[in-house]
């Protein structure tokens, strides 16, 4: 049986999946490290694949250095 994962998740679920604190996510959003969809002033939603891609890009090591 296939289970369908939600495309958009809330901060608490993202923090749980990444094993980090919700405050770390707040910092990443403030520094524009990861993308989010602002639903209201108190609610952001996150697409897990986009977040993972942004984190990989942000932490990419330049091999030419």
N, C-alpha and C. Protein backbone atom coordinates (compact mmCIF):
# COMPACT_ATOMS: atom_id res chain seq x y z
N UNK A 1 0.84 -1.19 0.00
CA UNK A 1 0.00 0.00 0.00
C UNK A 1 0.89 1.24 0.00
N UNK A 2 0.63 2.17 -0.90
CA UNK A 2 1.39 3.40 -0.99
C UNK A 2 0.80 4.44 -0.06
N UNK A 3 1.69 5.13 0.65
CA UNK A 3 1.24 6.25 1.47
C UNK A 3 1.67 7.52 0.77
N UNK A 4 0.78 8.47 0.71
CA UNK A 4 1.06 9.74 0.04
C UNK A 4 1.51 10.74 1.09
N UNK A 5 2.73 11.28 0.89
CA UNK A 5 3.23 12.30 1.81
C UNK A 5 2.67 13.65 1.40
N UNK A 6 2.39 14.50 2.35
CA UNK A 6 1.90 15.83 2.00
C UNK A 6 3.01 16.63 1.32
N UNK A 7 2.62 17.40 0.32
CA UNK A 7 3.57 18.22 -0.40
C UNK A 7 4.08 19.36 0.47
N UNK A 8 3.18 19.98 1.20
CA UNK A 8 3.54 21.09 2.07
C UNK A 8 3.39 20.67 3.53
N UNK A 9 4.38 21.02 4.32
CA UNK A 9 4.35 20.67 5.74
C UNK A 9 4.60 21.90 6.59
N UNK A 10 4.20 21.82 7.84
CA UNK A 10 4.41 22.92 8.77
C UNK A 10 5.80 22.84 9.40
N UNK A 11 6.18 23.93 10.07
CA UNK A 11 7.51 24.04 10.65
C UNK A 11 7.81 22.92 11.64
N UNK A 12 6.86 22.57 12.47
CA UNK A 12 7.07 21.53 13.47
C UNK A 12 7.42 20.19 12.82
N UNK A 13 6.70 19.85 11.75
CA UNK A 13 6.97 18.60 11.03
C UNK A 13 8.32 18.65 10.32
N UNK A 14 8.65 19.80 9.74
CA UNK A 14 9.95 19.95 9.07
C UNK A 14 11.08 19.79 10.08
N UNK A 15 10.94 20.40 11.23
CA UNK A 15 11.96 20.28 12.28
C UNK A 15 12.12 18.83 12.72
N UNK A 16 11.03 18.14 12.85
CA UNK A 16 11.07 16.73 13.24
C UNK A 16 11.79 15.89 12.19
N UNK A 17 11.47 16.12 10.92
CA UNK A 17 12.10 15.35 9.84
C UNK A 17 13.59 15.62 9.71
N UNK A 18 14.00 16.86 9.99
CA UNK A 18 15.42 17.22 9.87
C UNK A 18 16.19 17.05 11.19
N UNK A 19 15.49 16.70 12.25
CA UNK A 19 16.08 16.54 13.59
C UNK A 19 16.78 17.82 14.04
N UNK A 20 16.06 18.92 13.91
CA UNK A 20 16.55 20.22 14.36
C UNK A 20 15.43 20.93 15.11
N UNK A 21 15.74 22.07 15.69
CA UNK A 21 14.71 22.81 16.43
C UNK A 21 13.94 23.73 15.48
N UNK A 22 12.71 24.03 15.82
CA UNK A 22 11.94 24.99 15.02
C UNK A 22 12.62 26.36 14.95
N UNK A 23 13.36 26.73 15.98
CA UNK A 23 14.06 28.03 15.97
C UNK A 23 15.16 28.06 14.91
N UNK A 24 15.78 26.91 14.65
CA UNK A 24 16.77 26.84 13.58
C UNK A 24 16.11 27.13 12.25
N UNK A 25 14.93 26.59 12.05
CA UNK A 25 14.19 26.85 10.81
C UNK A 25 13.86 28.33 10.70
N UNK A 26 13.44 28.95 11.80
CA UNK A 26 13.16 30.39 11.79
C UNK A 26 14.39 31.18 11.35
N UNK A 27 15.55 30.79 11.84
CA UNK A 27 16.79 31.47 11.47
C UNK A 27 17.12 31.30 10.00
N UNK A 28 16.94 30.08 9.49
CA UNK A 28 17.19 29.82 8.07
C UNK A 28 16.25 30.63 7.19
N UNK A 29 14.99 30.73 7.58
CA UNK A 29 14.03 31.50 6.80
C UNK A 29 14.41 32.98 6.84
N UNK A 30 14.77 33.49 8.01
CA UNK A 30 15.15 34.89 8.14
C UNK A 30 16.37 35.22 7.28
N UNK A 31 17.31 34.26 7.18
CA UNK A 31 18.52 34.47 6.36
C UNK A 31 18.33 34.03 4.92
N UNK A 32 17.12 33.59 4.60
CA UNK A 32 16.74 33.15 3.25
C UNK A 32 17.58 31.96 2.78
N UNK A 33 17.91 31.07 3.70
CA UNK A 33 18.63 29.84 3.37
C UNK A 33 17.67 28.82 2.76
N UNK A 34 16.46 28.76 3.31
CA UNK A 34 15.46 27.81 2.81
C UNK A 34 14.20 28.58 2.37
N UNK A 35 13.51 28.03 1.37
CA UNK A 35 12.28 28.68 0.92
C UNK A 35 11.07 28.29 1.78
N UNK A 36 10.12 29.20 1.84
CA UNK A 36 8.87 28.89 2.54
C UNK A 36 7.73 29.61 1.84
N UNK A 37 6.53 29.17 2.13
CA UNK A 37 5.33 29.81 1.62
C UNK A 37 4.64 30.45 2.82
N UNK A 38 4.54 31.76 2.80
CA UNK A 38 3.93 32.49 3.90
C UNK A 38 2.41 32.46 3.74
N UNK A 39 1.76 31.74 4.63
CA UNK A 39 0.31 31.61 4.59
C UNK A 39 -0.34 32.77 5.34
N UNK A 40 0.23 33.10 6.47
CA UNK A 40 -0.23 34.23 7.27
C UNK A 40 0.97 34.74 8.07
N UNK A 41 0.74 35.73 8.91
CA UNK A 41 1.86 36.27 9.69
C UNK A 41 2.42 35.26 10.70
N UNK A 42 1.63 34.23 11.01
CA UNK A 42 2.07 33.24 12.00
C UNK A 42 2.28 31.85 11.41
N UNK A 43 2.04 31.67 10.12
CA UNK A 43 2.10 30.33 9.55
C UNK A 43 2.86 30.31 8.23
N UNK A 44 3.94 29.54 8.20
CA UNK A 44 4.67 29.27 6.98
C UNK A 44 4.53 27.79 6.67
N UNK A 45 4.51 27.46 5.38
CA UNK A 45 4.51 26.08 4.95
C UNK A 45 5.79 25.83 4.16
N UNK A 46 6.24 24.58 4.18
CA UNK A 46 7.52 24.22 3.57
C UNK A 46 7.34 23.01 2.67
N UNK A 47 7.98 23.04 1.52
CA UNK A 47 8.01 21.89 0.63
C UNK A 47 9.33 21.17 0.89
N UNK A 48 9.26 19.96 1.41
CA UNK A 48 10.45 19.25 1.90
C UNK A 48 11.52 19.12 0.82
N UNK A 49 11.14 18.80 -0.42
CA UNK A 49 12.12 18.64 -1.49
C UNK A 49 12.84 19.95 -1.78
N UNK A 50 12.12 21.07 -1.77
CA UNK A 50 12.73 22.38 -2.02
C UNK A 50 13.67 22.76 -0.88
N UNK A 51 13.28 22.44 0.34
CA UNK A 51 14.12 22.73 1.50
C UNK A 51 15.41 21.92 1.43
N UNK A 52 15.30 20.62 1.13
CA UNK A 52 16.50 19.79 1.03
C UNK A 52 17.42 20.26 -0.08
N UNK A 53 16.87 20.65 -1.21
CA UNK A 53 17.68 21.16 -2.32
C UNK A 53 18.39 22.45 -1.93
N UNK A 54 17.69 23.34 -1.23
CA UNK A 54 18.29 24.61 -0.79
C UNK A 54 19.41 24.37 0.21
N UNK A 55 19.22 23.41 1.12
CA UNK A 55 20.26 23.12 2.10
C UNK A 55 21.49 22.51 1.43
N UNK A 56 21.28 21.64 0.45
CA UNK A 56 22.41 21.06 -0.29
C UNK A 56 23.18 22.16 -1.01
N UNK A 57 22.46 23.07 -1.65
CA UNK A 57 23.09 24.17 -2.37
C UNK A 57 23.84 25.10 -1.41
N UNK A 58 23.23 25.39 -0.28
CA UNK A 58 23.82 26.31 0.70
C UNK A 58 25.09 25.73 1.31
N UNK A 59 25.12 24.44 1.53
CA UNK A 59 26.27 23.79 2.19
C UNK A 59 27.22 23.13 1.20
N UNK A 60 27.08 23.47 -0.07
CA UNK A 60 27.94 22.90 -1.10
C UNK A 60 29.36 23.45 -0.93
N UNK A 61 30.34 22.55 -1.02
CA UNK A 61 31.73 22.93 -0.87
C UNK A 61 32.29 23.20 -2.26
N UNK A 62 32.97 24.32 -2.40
CA UNK A 62 33.59 24.66 -3.67
C UNK A 62 34.89 23.89 -3.81
N UNK A 63 34.95 22.98 -4.76
CA UNK A 63 36.12 22.11 -4.95
C UNK A 63 37.31 22.88 -5.48
N UNK A 64 37.11 24.07 -6.01
CA UNK A 64 38.22 24.84 -6.58
C UNK A 64 39.03 25.55 -5.51
N UNK A 65 38.51 25.66 -4.30
CA UNK A 65 39.21 26.38 -3.23
C UNK A 65 40.41 25.64 -2.73
